Amino acid sequence: MESTATITEADILERVVSPNIASLTPEAARSFLEFKFDASATKRIRQLLQKNNRGTISADERTDLEKYLRVGQFLDLVHAKARLSLVESGSSQ
């Protein structure tokens, strides 16, 4: 019988994005590096993190924070692939 390990969304996204494979054109890589949270989202993430650190976060807020963190993990994977693609192509950011 094969053991089943718990798989996370991050594990799945890492397989999809393949951040260790430089397969983006320089133009695509630069475009992906522009993907980021806007100022409003960044402010909200900071608020949620502070509440979490103080132990005053509600269940709904914790759910929101987890969603932001998952999207942040996705952005990290895409950015890693973009940076590697630029390095491999000899292009600068």
N, C-alpha and C. Protein backbone atom coordinates (compact mmCIF):
# COMPACT_ATOMS: atom_id res chain seq x y z
N MET A 1 0.84 -1.18 0.00
CA MET A 1 0.00 0.00 0.00
C MET A 1 0.89 1.25 0.00
N GLU A 2 0.57 2.20 -0.83
CA GLU A 2 1.33 3.43 -0.97
C GLU A 2 0.91 4.42 0.12
N SER A 3 1.88 5.03 0.78
CA SER A 3 1.52 6.01 1.81
C SER A 3 1.12 7.32 1.12
N THR A 4 0.17 7.99 1.72
CA THR A 4 -0.30 9.24 1.15
C THR A 4 0.15 10.39 2.03
N ALA A 5 0.93 11.25 1.47
CA ALA A 5 1.39 12.44 2.19
C ALA A 5 0.40 13.56 1.90
N THR A 6 0.26 14.42 2.87
CA THR A 6 -0.62 15.57 2.68
C THR A 6 0.02 16.52 1.69
N ILE A 7 -0.73 16.90 0.70
CA ILE A 7 -0.24 17.82 -0.33
C ILE A 7 -0.91 19.17 -0.12
N THR A 8 -0.15 20.22 -0.28
CA THR A 8 -0.68 21.57 -0.09
C THR A 8 -0.85 22.24 -1.45
N GLU A 9 -1.57 23.35 -1.42
CA GLU A 9 -1.70 24.14 -2.64
C GLU A 9 -0.34 24.59 -3.13
N ALA A 10 0.54 24.93 -2.20
CA ALA A 10 1.89 25.36 -2.57
C ALA A 10 2.65 24.25 -3.30
N ASP A 11 2.49 23.01 -2.83
CA ASP A 11 3.13 21.87 -3.50
C ASP A 11 2.64 21.74 -4.94
N ILE A 12 1.34 21.86 -5.10
CA ILE A 12 0.74 21.74 -6.44
C ILE A 12 1.22 22.87 -7.34
N LEU A 13 1.19 24.10 -6.82
CA LEU A 13 1.63 25.25 -7.61
C LEU A 13 3.09 25.15 -7.98
N GLU A 14 3.91 24.63 -7.08
CA GLU A 14 5.33 24.48 -7.40
C GLU A 14 5.51 23.54 -8.58
N ARG A 15 4.71 22.50 -8.64
CA ARG A 15 4.79 21.57 -9.78
C ARG A 15 4.31 22.23 -11.06
N VAL A 16 3.31 23.08 -10.95
CA VAL A 16 2.76 23.75 -12.13
C VAL A 16 3.72 24.83 -12.63
N VAL A 17 4.21 25.66 -11.73
CA VAL A 17 5.05 26.80 -12.10
C VAL A 17 6.47 26.36 -12.43
N SER A 18 6.98 25.34 -11.76
CA SER A 18 8.35 24.86 -11.94
C SER A 18 9.34 26.02 -11.84
N PRO A 19 9.48 26.61 -10.63
CA PRO A 19 10.32 27.79 -10.48
C PRO A 19 11.80 27.55 -10.73
N ASN A 20 12.22 26.30 -10.79
CA ASN A 20 13.63 25.99 -11.04
C ASN A 20 13.95 25.79 -12.52
N ILE A 21 12.95 26.01 -13.36
CA ILE A 21 13.14 25.86 -14.80
C ILE A 21 12.97 27.23 -15.46
N ALA A 22 14.02 27.68 -16.10
CA ALA A 22 14.01 29.00 -16.74
C ALA A 22 13.41 28.92 -18.13
N SER A 23 12.10 29.00 -18.21
CA SER A 23 11.45 28.82 -19.50
C SER A 23 10.66 30.05 -19.97
N LEU A 24 10.81 31.17 -19.29
CA LEU A 24 10.10 32.38 -19.69
C LEU A 24 10.96 33.25 -20.59
N THR A 25 10.34 33.92 -21.53
CA THR A 25 11.08 34.91 -22.31
C THR A 25 11.40 36.08 -21.39
N PRO A 26 12.42 36.86 -21.71
CA PRO A 26 12.71 38.02 -20.87
C PRO A 26 11.52 38.96 -20.71
N GLU A 27 10.75 39.13 -21.77
CA GLU A 27 9.59 40.02 -21.70
C GLU A 27 8.55 39.48 -20.74
N ALA A 28 8.28 38.19 -20.83
CA ALA A 28 7.31 37.57 -19.92
C ALA A 28 7.81 37.63 -18.49
N ALA A 29 9.09 37.35 -18.30
CA ALA A 29 9.67 37.38 -16.96
C ALA A 29 9.52 38.76 -16.33
N ARG A 30 9.83 39.79 -17.09
CA ARG A 30 9.69 41.15 -16.56
C ARG A 30 8.23 41.47 -16.23
N SER A 31 7.33 40.99 -17.05
CA SER A 31 5.90 41.21 -16.78
C SER A 31 5.48 40.53 -15.49
N PHE A 32 5.93 39.29 -15.30
CA PHE A 32 5.56 38.57 -14.08
C PHE A 32 6.15 39.22 -12.83
N LEU A 33 7.32 39.82 -12.97
CA LEU A 33 7.92 40.50 -11.81
C LEU A 33 7.13 41.74 -11.39
N GLU A 34 6.27 42.22 -12.24
CA GLU A 34 5.43 43.36 -11.89
C GLU A 34 4.21 42.95 -11.07
N PHE A 35 3.91 41.65 -11.01
CA PHE A 35 2.78 41.17 -10.21
C PHE A 35 3.13 41.34 -8.74
N LYS A 36 2.31 42.09 -8.02
CA LYS A 36 2.54 42.28 -6.59
C LYS A 36 1.25 42.79 -5.95
N PHE A 37 1.22 42.71 -4.64
CA PHE A 37 0.09 43.24 -3.90
C PHE A 37 0.11 44.76 -4.00
N ASP A 38 -1.05 45.37 -4.14
CA ASP A 38 -1.10 46.83 -4.15
C ASP A 38 -0.99 47.35 -2.71
N ALA A 39 -0.93 48.66 -2.57
CA ALA A 39 -0.72 49.28 -1.26
C ALA A 39 -1.83 48.92 -0.27
N SER A 40 -3.05 48.87 -0.75
CA SER A 40 -4.18 48.54 0.11
C SER A 40 -4.07 47.11 0.65
N ALA A 41 -3.74 46.18 -0.22
CA ALA A 41 -3.60 44.78 0.19
C ALA A 41 -2.42 44.63 1.15
N THR A 42 -1.31 45.32 0.86
CA THR A 42 -0.15 45.25 1.74
C THR A 42 -0.48 45.76 3.13
N LYS A 43 -1.22 46.85 3.19
CA LYS A 43 -1.64 47.40 4.48
C LYS A 43 -2.52 46.40 5.24
N ARG A 44 -3.44 45.77 4.53
CA ARG A 44 -4.34 44.79 5.16
C ARG A 44 -3.54 43.58 5.66
N ILE A 45 -2.60 43.13 4.88
CA ILE A 45 -1.77 41.99 5.30
C ILE A 45 -1.01 42.34 6.57
N ARG A 46 -0.45 43.53 6.64
CA ARG A 46 0.27 43.96 7.85
C ARG A 46 -0.65 43.98 9.06
N GLN A 47 -1.86 44.50 8.86
CA GLN A 47 -2.83 44.53 9.96
C GLN A 47 -3.15 43.12 10.45
N LEU A 48 -3.39 42.23 9.51
CA LEU A 48 -3.72 40.86 9.88
C LEU A 48 -2.55 40.16 10.57
N LEU A 49 -1.34 40.40 10.08
CA LEU A 49 -0.16 39.81 10.71
C LEU A 49 0.03 40.33 12.13
N GLN A 50 -0.19 41.62 12.33
CA GLN A 50 -0.08 42.19 13.68
C GLN A 50 -1.10 41.58 14.61
N LYS A 51 -2.33 41.46 14.15
CA LYS A 51 -3.37 40.84 14.98
C LYS A 51 -3.02 39.38 15.28
N ASN A 52 -2.50 38.69 14.28
CA ASN A 52 -2.11 37.30 14.48
C ASN A 52 -1.01 37.20 15.52
N ASN A 53 -0.01 38.07 15.43
CA ASN A 53 1.10 38.05 16.38
C ASN A 53 0.66 38.39 17.79
N ARG A 54 -0.36 39.25 17.91
CA ARG A 54 -0.88 39.63 19.24
C ARG A 54 -1.88 38.60 19.77
N GLY A 55 -2.31 37.69 18.90
CA GLY A 55 -3.29 36.70 19.31
C GLY A 55 -4.71 37.24 19.37
N THR A 56 -4.97 38.33 18.64
CA THR A 56 -6.30 38.95 18.65
C THR A 56 -7.03 38.78 17.32
N ILE A 57 -6.54 37.91 16.48
CA ILE A 57 -7.13 37.72 15.16
C ILE A 57 -8.39 36.85 15.27
N SER A 58 -9.43 37.23 14.54
CA SER A 58 -10.68 36.44 14.53
C SER A 58 -10.53 35.29 13.54
N ALA A 59 -11.47 34.38 13.59
CA ALA A 59 -11.44 33.24 12.66
C ALA A 59 -11.55 33.70 11.21
N ASP A 60 -12.44 34.67 10.95
CA ASP A 60 -12.58 35.19 9.58
C ASP A 60 -11.31 35.89 9.13
N GLU A 61 -10.71 36.65 10.02
CA GLU A 61 -9.46 37.34 9.67
C GLU A 61 -8.35 36.34 9.42
N ARG A 62 -8.30 35.26 10.20
CA ARG A 62 -7.28 34.24 10.00
C ARG A 62 -7.46 33.59 8.61
N THR A 63 -8.69 33.38 8.23
CA THR A 63 -8.97 32.82 6.90
C THR A 63 -8.49 33.78 5.81
N ASP A 64 -8.77 35.06 5.99
CA ASP A 64 -8.29 36.06 5.03
C ASP A 64 -6.77 36.06 4.96
N LEU A 65 -6.11 36.02 6.12
CA LEU A 65 -4.65 36.02 6.15
C LEU A 65 -4.10 34.80 5.42
N GLU A 66 -4.70 33.65 5.64
CA GLU A 66 -4.24 32.44 4.97
C GLU A 66 -4.37 32.56 3.45
N LYS A 67 -5.44 33.21 3.00
CA LYS A 67 -5.62 33.43 1.55
C LYS A 67 -4.52 34.33 1.00
N TYR A 68 -4.25 35.43 1.70
CA TYR A 68 -3.17 36.33 1.27
C TYR A 68 -1.84 35.58 1.24
N LEU A 69 -1.59 34.76 2.25
CA LEU A 69 -0.32 34.03 2.31
C LEU A 69 -0.20 33.03 1.15
N ARG A 70 -1.29 32.38 0.79
CA ARG A 70 -1.24 31.45 -0.34
C ARG A 70 -0.97 32.19 -1.64
N VAL A 71 -1.61 33.32 -1.83
CA VAL A 71 -1.34 34.12 -3.04
C VAL A 71 0.11 34.60 -3.01
N GLY A 72 0.60 35.00 -1.85
CA GLY A 72 1.99 35.42 -1.72
C GLY A 72 2.96 34.31 -2.08
N GLN A 73 2.64 33.08 -1.68
CA GLN A 73 3.48 31.94 -2.05
C GLN A 73 3.50 31.73 -3.56
N PHE A 74 2.35 31.91 -4.17
CA PHE A 74 2.27 31.79 -5.63
C PHE A 74 3.14 32.86 -6.29
N LEU A 75 3.02 34.10 -5.81
CA LEU A 75 3.84 35.18 -6.36
C LEU A 75 5.33 34.88 -6.19
N ASP A 76 5.71 34.33 -5.03
CA ASP A 76 7.11 33.98 -4.80
C ASP A 76 7.59 32.97 -5.84
N LEU A 77 6.77 31.96 -6.14
CA LEU A 77 7.15 30.96 -7.14
C LEU A 77 7.30 31.58 -8.53
N VAL A 78 6.33 32.41 -8.90
CA VAL A 78 6.38 33.05 -10.22
C VAL A 78 7.58 33.98 -10.32
N HIS A 79 7.84 34.74 -9.26
CA HIS A 79 8.98 35.66 -9.27
C HIS A 79 10.30 34.89 -9.35
N ALA A 80 10.39 33.75 -8.65
CA ALA A 80 11.62 32.95 -8.70
C ALA A 80 11.86 32.46 -10.13
N LYS A 81 10.81 31.99 -10.77
CA LYS A 81 10.94 31.52 -12.16
C LYS A 81 11.33 32.68 -13.07
N ALA A 82 10.73 33.83 -12.86
CA ALA A 82 11.03 34.99 -13.70
C ALA A 82 12.49 35.43 -13.53
N ARG A 83 12.94 35.50 -12.29
CA ARG A 83 14.33 35.91 -12.05
C ARG A 83 15.32 34.91 -12.66
N LEU A 84 15.05 33.63 -12.48
CA LEU A 84 15.92 32.61 -13.06
C LEU A 84 15.92 32.70 -14.58
N SER A 85 14.76 32.92 -15.16
CA SER A 85 14.67 33.05 -16.62
C SER A 85 15.49 34.22 -17.12
N LEU A 86 15.46 35.33 -16.38
CA LEU A 86 16.25 36.50 -16.77
C LEU A 86 17.75 36.23 -16.65
N VAL A 87 18.13 35.58 -15.58
CA VAL A 87 19.55 35.25 -15.39
C VAL A 87 20.03 34.31 -16.50
N GLU A 88 19.25 33.28 -16.77
CA GLU A 88 19.63 32.30 -17.78
C GLU A 88 19.68 32.90 -19.18
N SER A 89 18.85 33.91 -19.43
CA SER A 89 18.84 34.53 -20.76
C SER A 89 19.90 35.62 -20.88
N GLY A 90 20.56 35.95 -19.77
CA GLY A 90 21.56 37.00 -19.79
C GLY A 90 20.95 38.40 -19.74
N SER A 91 19.66 38.46 -19.45
CA SER A 91 18.97 39.77 -19.38
C SER A 91 19.02 40.27 -17.94
N SER A 92 18.92 41.56 -17.81
CA SER A 92 18.83 42.14 -16.46
C SER A 92 17.38 42.45 -16.16
N GLN A 93 17.10 42.58 -14.88
CA GLN A 93 15.73 42.88 -14.46
C GLN A 93 15.44 44.30 -14.79
